[in-house]
Protein backbone atom coordinates (compact mmCIF):
# COMPACT_ATOMS: atom_id res chain seq x y z
CA MET A 1 15.84 -1.61 0.00
CA ASN A 2 14.80 -0.90 -3.56
CA ILE A 3 11.58 -2.74 -4.63
CA LYS A 4 11.27 -3.04 -8.44
CA ARG A 5 7.96 -3.08 -10.10
CA PRO A 6 6.56 -6.51 -10.55
CA LYS A 7 6.63 -8.27 -13.85
CA THR A 8 3.31 -10.21 -13.74
CA ILE A 9 -0.03 -9.63 -12.46
CA ASP A 10 0.42 -12.39 -9.76
CA GLU A 11 3.61 -10.59 -8.56
CA TYR A 12 1.56 -7.36 -8.29
CA ILE A 13 -1.09 -9.00 -6.32
CA ASP A 14 1.29 -10.53 -4.01
CA LEU A 15 2.99 -7.16 -3.37
CA MET A 16 -0.34 -5.57 -2.63
CA HIS A 17 -1.09 -8.55 -0.30
CA GLN A 18 2.16 -7.94 1.41
CA ALA A 19 1.16 -4.35 1.90
CA VAL A 20 -2.06 -5.46 3.69
CA TYR A 21 0.12 -7.75 5.78
CA GLU A 22 2.62 -4.94 6.83
CA ILE A 23 -0.42 -2.52 7.69
CA ASP A 24 -1.85 -5.33 10.05
CA GLU A 25 1.66 -5.67 11.50
CA MET A 26 1.96 -1.87 11.98
CA ARG A 27 -1.47 -1.87 13.76
CA SER A 28 -0.42 -4.83 15.87
CA SER A 29 2.46 -2.96 17.26
CA LEU A 30 0.52 0.05 18.01
CA ASP A 31 -1.67 -2.02 20.43
CA TYR A 32 1.43 -2.08 22.66
CA ASP A 33 2.01 1.85 22.60
CA PRO A 34 -1.27 3.82 23.20
CA GLU A 35 0.59 7.18 22.56
CA GLN A 36 1.58 6.11 19.07
CA SER A 37 -1.68 4.55 18.57
CA GLN A 38 -3.39 7.95 19.04
CA GLN A 39 -1.06 9.54 16.86
CA PHE A 40 -0.89 7.07 13.99
CA GLY A 41 -4.21 5.39 14.28
CA PRO A 42 -6.32 7.78 12.34
CA PHE A 43 -4.07 7.78 9.12
CA LEU A 44 -3.51 4.03 9.38
CA ASP A 45 -7.28 3.45 9.41
CA HIS A 46 -7.50 5.58 6.24
CA LEU A 47 -4.55 3.78 4.65
CA ASP A 48 -5.86 0.34 5.63
CA ALA A 49 -9.19 0.82 4.15
CA GLN A 50 -7.91 2.08 0.78
CA VAL A 51 -5.24 -0.61 0.35
CA ARG A 52 -7.74 -3.39 1.45
CA LYS A 53 -10.21 -1.86 -1.12
CA VAL A 54 -7.58 -2.20 -3.97
CA PHE A 55 -6.59 -5.69 -2.83
CA ASP A 56 -10.18 -6.91 -2.71
CA ASP A 57 -10.77 -5.43 -6.07
CA MET A 58 -7.66 -7.29 -7.55
CA VAL A 59 -8.80 -10.52 -6.16
CA ALA A 60 -12.34 -10.07 -7.50
CA GLY A 61 -11.21 -8.91 -11.00
CA ARG A 62 -12.44 -5.43 -10.55
CA TYR A 63 -9.03 -3.60 -10.40
CA GLU A 64 -8.50 -0.93 -12.95
CA TRP A 65 -4.98 0.34 -13.93
CA GLY A 66 -4.32 4.05 -13.12
CA TYR A 67 -2.95 4.94 -16.49
CA GLY A 68 -0.91 7.85 -15.21
CA GLU A 69 -3.08 8.40 -12.00
CA ASP A 70 -1.90 7.82 -8.50
CA PHE A 71 -3.68 5.54 -6.00
CA PRO A 72 -6.11 7.45 -3.64
CA PHE A 73 -3.96 6.41 -0.71
CA LEU A 74 -0.73 8.22 -2.09
CA PRO A 75 -1.28 11.58 -0.31
CA ILE A 76 -1.46 9.58 3.07
CA VAL A 77 1.92 7.79 2.07
CA VAL A 78 3.58 11.24 1.17
CA LYS A 79 2.24 12.93 4.22
CA TYR A 80 2.99 10.18 6.81
CA GLY A 81 5.86 8.35 4.85
CA ARG A 82 8.52 8.83 7.50
CA PHE A 83 6.28 7.01 10.02
CA ILE A 84 5.50 4.13 7.51
CA PRO A 85 8.24 1.39 7.62
CA PHE A 86 7.01 -0.10 4.35
CA GLN A 87 6.59 3.23 2.53
CA ARG A 88 8.91 2.01 -0.38
CA LEU A 89 6.51 -0.91 -1.06
CA LEU A 90 3.42 1.48 -1.32
CA MET A 91 5.47 3.78 -3.49
CA THR A 92 6.41 0.75 -5.74
CA LEU A 93 2.69 -0.23 -5.79
CA ASN A 94 1.83 3.27 -6.68
CA ASP A 95 4.50 3.31 -9.49
CA THR A 96 3.03 0.02 -10.82
CA HIS A 97 -0.54 1.44 -10.79
CA LYS A 98 0.53 4.47 -12.66
CA ASN A 99 2.90 2.95 -15.12
CA GLY A 100 2.19 -0.71 -15.55
CA LEU A 101 4.07 -3.86 -14.97
CA ASP A 102 7.78 -3.98 -15.61
CA ILE A 103 7.69 -6.15 -18.82
CA GLY A 104 10.53 -4.39 -20.57
């Protein structure tokens, strides 16, 4: 699935909210598999905290565009991406943070 960069701020915030939801869903699925919870729990905790902070900043009007810089959570996505079912969503969010909205 190829996700395009959002065209509006509202679409961007919606995509970030989707990432928060996906993290919650992944965490919920780990509740049923203790072995995977031990394996993925630590990186998921860090990813969750960083994505939620960005979302909270967006909603509160404190968000700052990256202007060529990656999100702080990108190294987690790169390192553990094969275990993150919504990796493409996170990469699209990072691309938007770095390069802006798709207004062209």
